[in-house]
Amino acid sequence: MKQESSKIRLSLDVSSELNETITQLAKKSGGSKSDILRKAIALMEVAVDAKERGEKVALLNKDQTVNREIVGI
């Protein structure tokens, strides 16, 4: 994700369930809700770029074998 010199404020409507998920992720990571959304967008950008290059996104075990492949992006 590119560093922007100025910020734009966005307003976002989410379900109460999604709000709770974002809140819990912020607590677990020690960040803010905005941090969670910025990181989610950065992760999505990586996934979309990988897909465009014909690559896949996956979670690896400690021994570097694929545990889960992320699909649907």
C-alpha atoms as a PDB file:
ATOM      1  CA  MET A   1       0.000   0.000   0.000  1.00  0.00           C
ATOM      2  CA  LYS A   2       1.352   3.413  -0.920  1.00  0.00           C
ATOM      3  CA  GLN A   3       2.017   6.045   1.747  1.00  0.00           C
ATOM      4  CA  GLU A   4      -0.354   8.993   1.331  1.00  0.00           C
ATOM      5  CA  SER A   5       0.611  12.505   2.402  1.00  0.00           C
ATOM      6  CA  SER A   6      -2.938  13.606   3.236  1.00  0.00           C
ATOM      7  CA  LYS A   7      -5.778  11.708   4.837  1.00  0.00           C
ATOM      8  CA  ILE A   8      -9.402  11.435   3.765  1.00  0.00           C
ATOM      9  CA  ARG A   9     -12.092  10.632   6.323  1.00  0.00           C
ATOM     10  CA  LEU A  10     -14.478   7.836   5.348  1.00  0.00           C
ATOM     11  CA  SER A  11     -17.805   6.899   6.864  1.00  0.00           C
ATOM     12  CA  LEU A  12     -18.619   3.195   6.870  1.00  0.00           C
ATOM     13  CA  ASP A  13     -21.787   1.275   7.756  1.00  0.00           C
ATOM     14  CA  VAL A  14     -21.163  -2.230   9.137  1.00  0.00           C
ATOM     15  CA  SER A  15     -23.277  -4.818  10.912  1.00  0.00           C
ATOM     16  CA  SER A  16     -23.017  -5.126  14.675  1.00  0.00           C
ATOM     17  CA  GLU A  17     -21.319  -8.496  14.165  1.00  0.00           C
ATOM     18  CA  LEU A  18     -18.640  -7.032  11.898  1.00  0.00           C
ATOM     19  CA  ASN A  19     -18.141  -4.141  14.313  1.00  0.00           C
ATOM     20  CA  GLU A  20     -17.579  -6.630  17.139  1.00  0.00           C
ATOM     21  CA  THR A  21     -15.099  -8.586  15.013  1.00  0.00           C
ATOM     22  CA  ILE A  22     -13.156  -5.411  14.196  1.00  0.00           C
ATOM     23  CA  THR A  23     -13.220  -4.383  17.879  1.00  0.00           C
ATOM     24  CA  GLN A  24     -11.913  -7.780  19.022  1.00  0.00           C
ATOM     25  CA  LEU A  25      -9.165  -7.791  16.381  1.00  0.00           C
ATOM     26  CA  ALA A  26      -8.116  -4.304  17.489  1.00  0.00           C
ATOM     27  CA  LYS A  27      -7.919  -5.445  21.123  1.00  0.00           C
ATOM     28  CA  LYS A  28      -5.952  -8.591  20.242  1.00  0.00           C
ATOM     29  CA  SER A  29      -3.475  -6.693  18.081  1.00  0.00           C
ATOM     30  CA  GLY A  30      -3.149  -3.640  20.325  1.00  0.00           C
ATOM     31  CA  GLY A  31      -4.242  -1.306  17.543  1.00  0.00           C
ATOM     32  CA  SER A  32      -7.248   0.751  16.600  1.00  0.00           C
ATOM     33  CA  LYS A  33     -10.203  -0.139  14.425  1.00  0.00           C
ATOM     34  CA  SER A  34      -8.682   2.066  11.728  1.00  0.00           C
ATOM     35  CA  ASP A  35      -5.434   0.085  11.996  1.00  0.00           C
ATOM     36  CA  ILE A  36      -7.371  -3.152  11.484  1.00  0.00           C
ATOM     37  CA  LEU A  37      -9.106  -1.831   8.366  1.00  0.00           C
ATOM     38  CA  ARG A  38      -5.848  -0.441   6.917  1.00  0.00           C
ATOM     39  CA  LYS A  39      -4.087  -3.772   7.482  1.00  0.00           C
ATOM     40  CA  ALA A  40      -7.017  -5.699   5.992  1.00  0.00           C
ATOM     41  CA  ILE A  41      -6.847  -3.536   2.871  1.00  0.00           C
ATOM     42  CA  ALA A  42      -3.064  -3.993   2.664  1.00  0.00           C
ATOM     43  CA  LEU A  43      -3.495  -7.777   2.943  1.00  0.00           C
ATOM     44  CA  MET A  44      -6.197  -7.730   0.261  1.00  0.00           C
ATOM     45  CA  GLU A  45      -3.896  -5.719  -2.001  1.00  0.00           C
ATOM     46  CA  VAL A  46      -1.173  -8.364  -1.614  1.00  0.00           C
ATOM     47  CA  ALA A  47      -3.676 -11.139  -2.371  1.00  0.00           C
ATOM     48  CA  VAL A  48      -5.072  -9.419  -5.471  1.00  0.00           C
ATOM     49  CA  ASP A  49      -1.567  -8.649  -6.774  1.00  0.00           C
ATOM     50  CA  ALA A  50      -0.586 -12.297  -6.236  1.00  0.00           C
ATOM     51  CA  LYS A  51      -3.668 -13.502  -8.109  1.00  0.00           C
ATOM     52  CA  GLU A  52      -2.845 -11.194 -11.038  1.00  0.00           C
ATOM     53  CA  ARG A  53       0.617 -12.821 -11.204  1.00  0.00           C
ATOM     54  CA  GLY A  54      -0.903 -16.311 -11.154  1.00  0.00           C
ATOM     55  CA  GLU A  55       0.240 -16.914  -7.579  1.00  0.00           C
ATOM     56  CA  LYS A  56      -1.745 -18.215  -4.618  1.00  0.00           C
ATOM     57  CA  VAL A  57      -2.032 -17.071  -1.011  1.00  0.00           C
ATOM     58  CA  ALA A  58      -1.747 -19.720   1.697  1.00  0.00           C
ATOM     59  CA  LEU A  59      -1.103 -20.265   5.396  1.00  0.00           C
ATOM     60  CA  LEU A  60       1.920 -22.436   6.114  1.00  0.00           C
ATOM     61  CA  ASN A  61       2.646 -24.739   9.050  1.00  0.00           C
ATOM     62  CA  LYS A  62       5.870 -24.424  11.029  1.00  0.00           C
ATOM     63  CA  ASP A  63       7.437 -26.969   8.662  1.00  0.00           C
ATOM     64  CA  GLN A  64       6.497 -24.732   5.683  1.00  0.00           C
ATOM     65  CA  THR A  65       3.797 -27.050   4.316  1.00  0.00           C
ATOM     66  CA  VAL A  66       0.501 -25.525   3.215  1.00  0.00           C
ATOM     67  CA  ASN A  67      -2.093 -25.644   5.980  1.00  0.00           C
ATOM     68  CA  ARG A  68      -4.801 -23.663   4.155  1.00  0.00           C
ATOM     69  CA  GLU A  69      -5.082 -21.939   0.819  1.00  0.00           C
ATOM     70  CA  ILE A  70      -6.953 -18.635   0.771  1.00  0.00           C
ATOM     71  CA  VAL A  71      -9.531 -18.729  -2.039  1.00  0.00           C
ATOM     72  CA  GLY A  72     -12.283 -16.463  -3.282  1.00  0.00           C
ATOM     73  CA  ILE A  73     -10.192 -13.334  -3.732  1.00  0.00           C
END
